[in-house]
C-alpha atoms as a PDB file:
ATOM      1  CA  MET A   1      -6.881  33.534   7.751  1.00  0.00           C
ATOM      2  CA  SER A   2     -10.110  34.919   9.072  1.00  0.00           C
ATOM      3  CA  SER A   3     -11.076  33.348  12.384  1.00  0.00           C
ATOM      4  CA  GLU A   4     -14.523  32.698  10.835  1.00  0.00           C
ATOM      5  CA  ASN A   5     -13.142  30.451   8.082  1.00  0.00           C
ATOM      6  CA  ALA A   6     -12.361  26.763   8.391  1.00  0.00           C
ATOM      7  CA  ILE A   7     -10.993  26.552   4.835  1.00  0.00           C
ATOM      8  CA  GLU A   8      -9.431  29.254   2.708  1.00  0.00           C
ATOM      9  CA  VAL A   9      -8.397  28.589  -0.887  1.00  0.00           C
ATOM     10  CA  THR A  10      -6.623  31.299  -2.842  1.00  0.00           C
ATOM     11  CA  ASP A  11      -5.729  31.193  -6.558  1.00  0.00           C
ATOM     12  CA  LEU A  12      -5.635  27.382  -6.515  1.00  0.00           C
ATOM     13  CA  ALA A  13      -4.484  25.846  -9.792  1.00  0.00           C
ATOM     14  CA  LYS A  14      -3.570  22.374 -10.999  1.00  0.00           C
ATOM     15  CA  ARG A  15      -2.184  21.556 -14.412  1.00  0.00           C
ATOM     16  CA  TYR A  16      -1.283  18.185 -15.916  1.00  0.00           C
ATOM     17  CA  ASP A  17       0.996  18.332 -18.969  1.00  0.00           C
ATOM     18  CA  GLY A  18      -0.528  21.621 -20.088  1.00  0.00           C
ATOM     19  CA  ILE A  19      -4.128  20.598 -19.298  1.00  0.00           C
ATOM     20  CA  ILE A  20      -5.818  22.923 -16.809  1.00  0.00           C
ATOM     21  CA  ALA A  21      -7.735  20.831 -14.258  1.00  0.00           C
ATOM     22  CA  VAL A  22      -8.318  23.630 -11.730  1.00  0.00           C
ATOM     23  CA  ASP A  23      -7.981  27.238 -12.853  1.00  0.00           C
ATOM     24  CA  ASN A  24      -7.106  29.854 -10.196  1.00  0.00           C
ATOM     25  CA  THR A  25      -9.992  29.017  -7.883  1.00  0.00           C
ATOM     26  CA  THR A  26     -10.609  31.101  -4.765  1.00  0.00           C
ATOM     27  CA  PHE A  27     -13.217  30.359  -2.080  1.00  0.00           C
ATOM     28  CA  HIS A  28     -13.654  30.006   1.656  1.00  0.00           C
ATOM     29  CA  VAL A  29     -15.761  27.846   3.936  1.00  0.00           C
ATOM     30  CA  LYS A  30     -16.847  29.277   7.256  1.00  0.00           C
ATOM     31  CA  LYS A  31     -16.700  27.258  10.444  1.00  0.00           C
ATOM     32  CA  ASP A  32     -19.771  25.019  10.843  1.00  0.00           C
ATOM     33  CA  GLU A  33     -20.541  25.154   7.100  1.00  0.00           C
ATOM     34  CA  ILE A  34     -20.681  22.115   4.832  1.00  0.00           C
ATOM     35  CA  LEU A  35     -19.079  22.304   1.405  1.00  0.00           C
ATOM     36  CA  GLY A  36     -20.326  20.340  -1.592  1.00  0.00           C
ATOM     37  CA  PHE A  37     -19.031  20.345  -5.166  1.00  0.00           C
ATOM     38  CA  LEU A  38     -21.512  20.031  -8.030  1.00  0.00           C
ATOM     39  CA  GLY A  39     -20.806  20.245 -11.729  1.00  0.00           C
ATOM     40  CA  PRO A  40     -20.407  18.337 -14.966  1.00  0.00           C
ATOM     41  CA  ASN A  41     -17.754  15.709 -15.616  1.00  0.00           C
ATOM     42  CA  GLY A  42     -14.375  17.304 -16.184  1.00  0.00           C
ATOM     43  CA  ALA A  43     -15.168  20.430 -14.170  1.00  0.00           C
ATOM     44  CA  GLY A  44     -12.332  19.784 -11.683  1.00  0.00           C
ATOM     45  CA  LYS A  45     -14.371  18.564  -8.686  1.00  0.00           C
ATOM     46  CA  THR A  46     -12.309  15.461  -7.968  1.00  0.00           C
ATOM     47  CA  THR A  47      -9.026  17.281  -8.549  1.00  0.00           C
ATOM     48  CA  THR A  48     -10.105  20.031  -6.149  1.00  0.00           C
ATOM     49  CA  ILE A  49     -11.017  17.473  -3.476  1.00  0.00           C
ATOM     50  CA  ARG A  50      -7.662  15.740  -3.969  1.00  0.00           C
ATOM     51  CA  LEU A  51      -5.945  19.117  -3.561  1.00  0.00           C
ATOM     52  CA  LEU A  52      -7.985  20.020  -0.463  1.00  0.00           C
ATOM     53  CA  THR A  53      -7.216  16.690   1.185  1.00  0.00           C
ATOM     54  CA  GLY A  54      -3.501  16.801   0.423  1.00  0.00           C
ATOM     55  CA  LEU A  55      -3.527  13.823  -1.939  1.00  0.00           C
ATOM     56  CA  THR A  56      -2.367  16.009  -4.830  1.00  0.00           C
ATOM     57  CA  ARG A  57      -0.032  19.003  -4.683  1.00  0.00           C
ATOM     58  CA  PRO A  58      -1.217  22.193  -6.373  1.00  0.00           C
ATOM     59  CA  THR A  59       0.631  23.737  -9.288  1.00  0.00           C
ATOM     60  CA  SER A  60       0.064  27.088  -7.598  1.00  0.00           C
ATOM     61  CA  GLY A  61      -2.103  28.773  -5.004  1.00  0.00           C
ATOM     62  CA  THR A  62      -2.687  28.175  -1.313  1.00  0.00           C
ATOM     63  CA  ILE A  63      -4.960  25.991   0.793  1.00  0.00           C
ATOM     64  CA  ARG A  64      -5.384  26.661   4.493  1.00  0.00           C
ATOM     65  CA  VAL A  65      -7.421  24.325   6.694  1.00  0.00           C
ATOM     66  CA  ALA A  66      -8.037  25.571  10.250  1.00  0.00           C
ATOM     67  CA  GLY A  67      -5.273  28.091   9.563  1.00  0.00           C
ATOM     68  CA  ILE A  68      -2.805  25.345   8.604  1.00  0.00           C
ATOM     69  CA  ASP A  69      -1.091  25.406   5.223  1.00  0.00           C
ATOM     70  CA  MET A  70      -2.010  22.135   3.464  1.00  0.00           C
ATOM     71  CA  THR A  71       1.180  22.151   1.373  1.00  0.00           C
ATOM     72  CA  ARG A  72       3.554  22.697   4.291  1.00  0.00           C
ATOM     73  CA  GLU A  73       1.747  20.725   7.020  1.00  0.00           C
ATOM     74  CA  PRO A  74      -0.624  18.267   5.312  1.00  0.00           C
ATOM     75  CA  ASN A  75      -0.861  15.833   8.231  1.00  0.00           C
ATOM     76  CA  ASN A  76      -1.846  18.583  10.667  1.00  0.00           C
ATOM     77  CA  ALA A  77      -4.356  20.068   8.211  1.00  0.00           C
ATOM     78  CA  LYS A  78      -5.960  16.657   7.461  1.00  0.00           C
ATOM     79  CA  GLU A  79      -6.892  16.270  11.117  1.00  0.00           C
ATOM     80  CA  HIS A  80      -9.521  18.968  10.546  1.00  0.00           C
ATOM     81  CA  LEU A  81     -11.155  17.474   7.425  1.00  0.00           C
ATOM     82  CA  GLY A  82     -13.883  14.974   6.752  1.00  0.00           C
ATOM     83  CA  VAL A  83     -14.787  13.897   3.218  1.00  0.00           C
ATOM     84  CA  VAL A  84     -17.959  12.090   2.163  1.00  0.00           C
ATOM     85  CA  PRO A  85     -17.852  11.076  -1.510  1.00  0.00           C
ATOM     86  CA  GLU A  86     -20.949  11.176  -3.714  1.00  0.00           C
ATOM     87  CA  VAL A  87     -21.554   7.426  -3.900  1.00  0.00           C
ATOM     88  CA  SER A  88     -18.722   5.309  -2.546  1.00  0.00           C
ATOM     89  CA  ASN A  89     -15.014   5.355  -1.917  1.00  0.00           C
ATOM     90  CA  ILE A  90     -14.445   2.691  -4.558  1.00  0.00           C
ATOM     91  CA  TYR A  91     -13.197   3.819  -7.936  1.00  0.00           C
ATOM     92  CA  ASP A  92     -14.104   1.447 -10.766  1.00  0.00           C
ATOM     93  CA  GLU A  93     -11.127   2.540 -12.862  1.00  0.00           C
ATOM     94  CA  MET A  94      -8.745   1.415 -10.086  1.00  0.00           C
ATOM     95  CA  SER A  95      -7.934  -2.158  -9.109  1.00  0.00           C
ATOM     96  CA  PRO A  96      -9.134  -3.426  -5.714  1.00  0.00           C
ATOM     97  CA  CYS A  97      -5.551  -3.236  -4.446  1.00  0.00           C
ATOM     98  CA  ASP A  98      -5.199   0.373  -5.651  1.00  0.00           C
ATOM     99  CA  ASN A  99      -8.498   1.277  -3.951  1.00  0.00           C
ATOM    100  CA  LEU A 100      -7.184  -0.130  -0.666  1.00  0.00           C
ATOM    101  CA  ILE A 101      -3.910   1.770  -1.049  1.00  0.00           C
ATOM    102  CA  PHE A 102      -5.840   4.966  -1.806  1.00  0.00           C
ATOM    103  CA  ALA A 103      -7.957   4.560   1.346  1.00  0.00           C
ATOM    104  CA  ALA A 104      -4.819   3.913   3.398  1.00  0.00           C
ATOM    105  CA  GLN A 105      -3.317   7.146   2.037  1.00  0.00           C
ATOM    106  CA  LEU A 106      -6.320   9.046   3.400  1.00  0.00           C
ATOM    107  CA  TYR A 107      -5.545   7.691   6.859  1.00  0.00           C
ATOM    108  CA  ARG A 108      -1.800   8.403   6.584  1.00  0.00           C
ATOM    109  CA  VAL A 109      -0.721   4.760   6.704  1.00  0.00           C
ATOM    110  CA  PRO A 110       3.000   4.725   5.753  1.00  0.00           C
ATOM    111  CA  LYS A 111       3.594   3.793   2.102  1.00  0.00           C
ATOM    112  CA  ASP A 112       5.409   0.499   2.702  1.00  0.00           C
ATOM    113  CA  GLU A 113       2.794  -0.580   5.262  1.00  0.00           C
ATOM    114  CA  ARG A 114      -0.269   0.295   3.126  1.00  0.00           C
ATOM    115  CA  GLU A 115       1.042  -1.647   0.132  1.00  0.00           C
ATOM    116  CA  LYS A 116       1.849  -4.665   2.318  1.00  0.00           C
ATOM    117  CA  ARG A 117      -1.618  -4.575   3.942  1.00  0.00           C
ATOM    118  CA  ALA A 118      -3.421  -4.146   0.611  1.00  0.00           C
ATOM    119  CA  ARG A 119      -1.612  -7.118  -0.928  1.00  0.00           C
ATOM    120  CA  ALA A 120      -2.316  -9.268   2.145  1.00  0.00           C
ATOM    121  CA  LEU A 121      -6.031  -8.434   2.003  1.00  0.00           C
ATOM    122  CA  ASN A 122      -6.162  -9.181  -1.720  1.00  0.00           C
ATOM    123  CA  GLU A 123      -4.459 -12.540  -1.174  1.00  0.00           C
ATOM    124  CA  ARG A 124      -6.945 -13.444   1.584  1.00  0.00           C
ATOM    125  CA  HIS A 125      -9.827 -12.538  -0.712  1.00  0.00           C
ATOM    126  CA  ASP A 126      -8.468 -14.600  -3.615  1.00  0.00           C
ATOM    127  CA  ARG A 127      -8.357 -17.803  -1.529  1.00  0.00           C
END
């Protein structure tokens, strides 16, 4: 990795049951730069963000954040990332509980703990 780059993506691809969501994408982000993704629906923006943040594993290609391989050391790489979504962190197509679990994933809350916390918060809200 170049010492000038904070993120390096090489030949990144993601396929779902034969559907190409991200197609051999290569780019880099220099230190102190801000990266934004713009494009039409279905262009692969969300999938790319999920790949960059370690929430989804790539079909092929490499992602290095601060020189750290996202596939091999996702927790170490995530310490160097900050993501600001376009509007909000709430996804309408997901239930409130699933949204809470998703947010807990971003902060590396262990799976059994995040599900327990999400259910407890939902139960408090329903009262």
